[in-house]
Protein backbone atom coordinates (compact mmCIF):
# COMPACT_ATOMS: atom_id res chain seq x y z
CA MET A 1 2.34 7.92 8.18
CA ARG A 2 1.68 11.66 8.35
CA PRO A 3 -1.23 13.08 6.30
CA LYS A 4 -0.31 15.55 3.55
CA LYS A 5 -1.88 18.68 2.10
CA VAL A 6 -3.06 18.85 -1.51
CA LYS A 7 -0.54 21.58 -2.34
CA ASP A 8 2.36 19.35 -1.23
CA SER A 9 2.07 17.25 -4.40
CA LEU A 10 0.65 19.76 -6.90
CA THR A 11 2.19 19.37 -10.36
CA ILE A 12 2.11 22.02 -13.06
CA MET A 13 3.46 20.99 -16.45
CA THR A 14 3.69 23.12 -19.60
CA GLU A 15 3.96 21.96 -23.21
CA ILE A 16 3.68 23.56 -26.63
CA VAL A 17 1.63 21.77 -29.27
CA LEU A 18 3.90 20.92 -32.18
CA PRO A 19 2.82 19.55 -35.58
CA ASN A 20 3.78 15.98 -34.63
CA ASP A 21 1.37 16.22 -31.62
CA ALA A 22 -1.58 17.03 -33.89
CA ASN A 23 -4.03 15.31 -36.20
CA THR A 24 -4.55 16.24 -39.85
CA LEU A 25 -6.82 19.11 -38.80
CA GLY A 26 -4.02 20.78 -36.82
CA LYS A 27 -5.62 19.91 -33.47
CA LEU A 28 -3.87 18.23 -30.53
CA ARG A 29 -4.53 14.48 -30.61
CA GLY A 30 -6.49 13.16 -27.61
CA GLY A 31 -4.00 10.35 -27.08
CA LYS A 32 -1.10 12.79 -26.82
CA LEU A 33 -3.01 14.90 -24.30
CA ILE A 34 -3.85 11.81 -22.23
CA ASP A 35 -0.14 10.91 -22.26
CA TRP A 36 0.77 14.38 -20.92
CA MET A 37 -2.00 14.19 -18.31
CA ASP A 38 -0.79 10.75 -17.20
CA ILE A 39 2.75 12.06 -16.72
CA ALA A 40 1.53 15.00 -14.59
CA GLY A 41 -0.80 12.73 -12.63
CA GLU A 42 1.93 10.17 -11.97
CA ILE A 43 4.28 12.87 -10.69
CA THR A 44 1.55 14.07 -8.32
CA ALA A 45 0.85 10.53 -7.09
CA GLN A 46 4.54 9.82 -6.53
CA ARG A 47 5.04 13.08 -4.66
CA HIS A 48 2.09 12.29 -2.41
CA ALA A 49 2.99 8.65 -1.79
CA GLY A 50 6.73 9.24 -1.50
CA MET A 51 7.30 6.21 -3.74
CA GLU A 52 6.59 4.89 -7.22
CA ALA A 53 2.99 4.96 -8.41
CA VAL A 54 1.35 3.30 -11.38
CA THR A 55 -1.78 4.19 -13.33
CA ALA A 56 -4.66 1.97 -12.24
CA SER A 57 -7.45 3.57 -14.27
CA ILE A 58 -8.69 6.62 -16.07
CA GLU A 59 -12.08 7.25 -14.56
CA GLU A 60 -13.20 10.21 -16.56
CA VAL A 61 -11.85 12.38 -19.37
CA ARG A 62 -13.65 15.41 -20.77
CA PHE A 63 -12.50 16.94 -24.02
CA GLN A 64 -14.33 20.25 -23.85
CA LYS A 65 -12.44 22.34 -26.42
CA SER A 66 -9.88 21.56 -29.08
CA VAL A 67 -6.28 22.74 -28.82
CA ASP A 68 -4.42 24.04 -31.88
CA VAL A 69 -0.85 23.58 -33.07
CA GLY A 70 1.19 26.38 -31.55
CA ASP A 71 -0.96 26.67 -28.42
CA ILE A 72 0.72 26.55 -25.02
CA VAL A 73 -0.81 23.84 -22.82
CA THR A 74 -0.66 23.97 -19.02
CA ILE A 75 -1.59 20.82 -17.10
CA GLU A 76 -2.38 21.03 -13.39
CA ALA A 77 -2.59 17.76 -11.46
CA TYR A 78 -3.55 17.54 -7.80
CA ILE A 79 -4.66 14.84 -5.41
CA THR A 80 -8.28 14.85 -4.25
CA ARG A 81 -8.13 11.86 -1.92
CA ALA A 82 -5.94 8.93 -0.91
CA PHE A 83 -7.44 5.63 0.10
CA ASN A 84 -5.50 2.61 1.37
CA THR A 85 -3.08 2.16 -1.54
CA SER A 86 -4.84 4.15 -4.27
CA MET A 87 -5.01 7.86 -4.96
CA GLU A 88 -7.47 9.91 -7.00
CA ILE A 89 -5.81 12.67 -9.00
CA LYS A 90 -7.75 15.43 -10.74
CA ILE A 91 -6.15 16.89 -13.83
CA GLU A 92 -7.12 20.19 -15.44
CA VAL A 93 -5.83 21.34 -18.83
CA TRP A 94 -5.60 24.95 -19.96
CA SER A 95 -4.52 26.23 -23.36
CA GLU A 96 -3.49 29.64 -24.54
CA LYS A 97 -2.44 31.25 -27.75
CA PRO A 98 0.73 33.30 -27.37
CA ASN A 99 -0.11 36.69 -25.78
CA ARG A 100 -3.72 35.71 -25.01
CA TYR A 101 -5.73 34.47 -22.05
CA LYS A 102 -5.91 30.87 -20.82
CA THR A 103 -8.97 28.74 -21.54
CA LYS A 104 -9.85 25.54 -19.71
CA THR A 105 -10.05 22.87 -22.39
CA ASN A 106 -10.04 19.50 -20.64
CA GLU A 107 -10.26 17.73 -17.31
CA ALA A 108 -9.85 14.18 -16.11
CA ILE A 109 -9.72 11.93 -13.08
CA PHE A 110 -6.99 9.30 -12.91
CA ILE A 111 -6.45 6.64 -10.25
CA TYR A 112 -2.92 5.62 -9.26
CA VAL A 113 -1.64 2.94 -6.91
CA ALA A 114 1.50 3.37 -4.81
CA VAL A 115 3.95 0.49 -5.22
CA ASP A 116 7.05 -0.50 -3.30
CA SER A 117 10.40 -1.53 -4.83
CA GLU A 118 9.01 -5.04 -5.47
CA GLY A 119 5.95 -3.69 -7.28
CA LYS A 120 3.51 -4.49 -4.46
CA ALA A 121 0.73 -2.08 -3.54
CA SER A 122 1.69 0.07 -0.55
CA LYS A 123 -0.14 2.30 1.89
CA THR A 124 -0.35 5.99 1.11
CA PRO A 125 -0.60 8.99 3.42
CA LYS A 126 -4.08 10.43 3.89
CA VAL A 127 -5.01 13.80 2.36
CA VAL A 128 -5.86 16.79 4.53
CA PRO A 129 -8.37 18.88 2.57
CA LEU A 130 -8.11 22.60 3.29
CA GLY A 131 -10.96 24.91 2.41
CA GLU A 132 -14.39 24.28 0.94
CA ALA A 133 -13.24 23.46 -2.62
CA GLU A 134 -10.76 20.79 -1.50
CA LEU A 135 -13.28 19.34 0.95
CA LEU A 136 -15.91 19.06 -1.79
CA LEU A 137 -13.46 17.26 -4.11
CA TYR A 138 -12.45 14.98 -1.21
CA ARG A 139 -16.08 14.04 -0.55
CA LYS A 140 -16.86 13.48 -4.24
CA ALA A 141 -13.81 11.20 -4.51
CA GLY A 142 -15.23 9.14 -1.64
CA GLU A 143 -18.58 8.89 -3.40
CA ARG A 144 -16.92 7.77 -6.65
CA LYS A 145 -14.92 5.13 -4.77
CA LYS A 146 -18.06 3.87 -3.00
CA ASN A 147 -19.98 3.68 -6.31
CA ALA A 148 -17.08 1.87 -8.00
CA LEU A 149 -17.13 -0.83 -5.32
């Protein structure tokens, strides 16, 4: 199985926050955002693994800033490290008002497991980190995995 680069499975997803996505204060509901992040993360995991992937856990979610109805939300999901059958995916969320700059509002780490057609966990390709930033994320993913065990 050939190792893959982070950029090979990068997923960028864009949504607009509509009234039915919001709470009574006109802010994007956390559950809706987690749903969008999970979709982007799953696409990234499946691209990397070359097969189906399922959510194993949500390790960390940070809601740093609220997002308003009408805002444009961009979700970037990328793999930080692949282990035997699991993959750590980092997800960053940016929001923008029409005709304004983007602001980072949220980030999360999701874990996915690659599964074959029978639903059994399957090996994934390794990740080749390029550059200092990717290498740092790769190392931190290893530390989180070690601490989780």
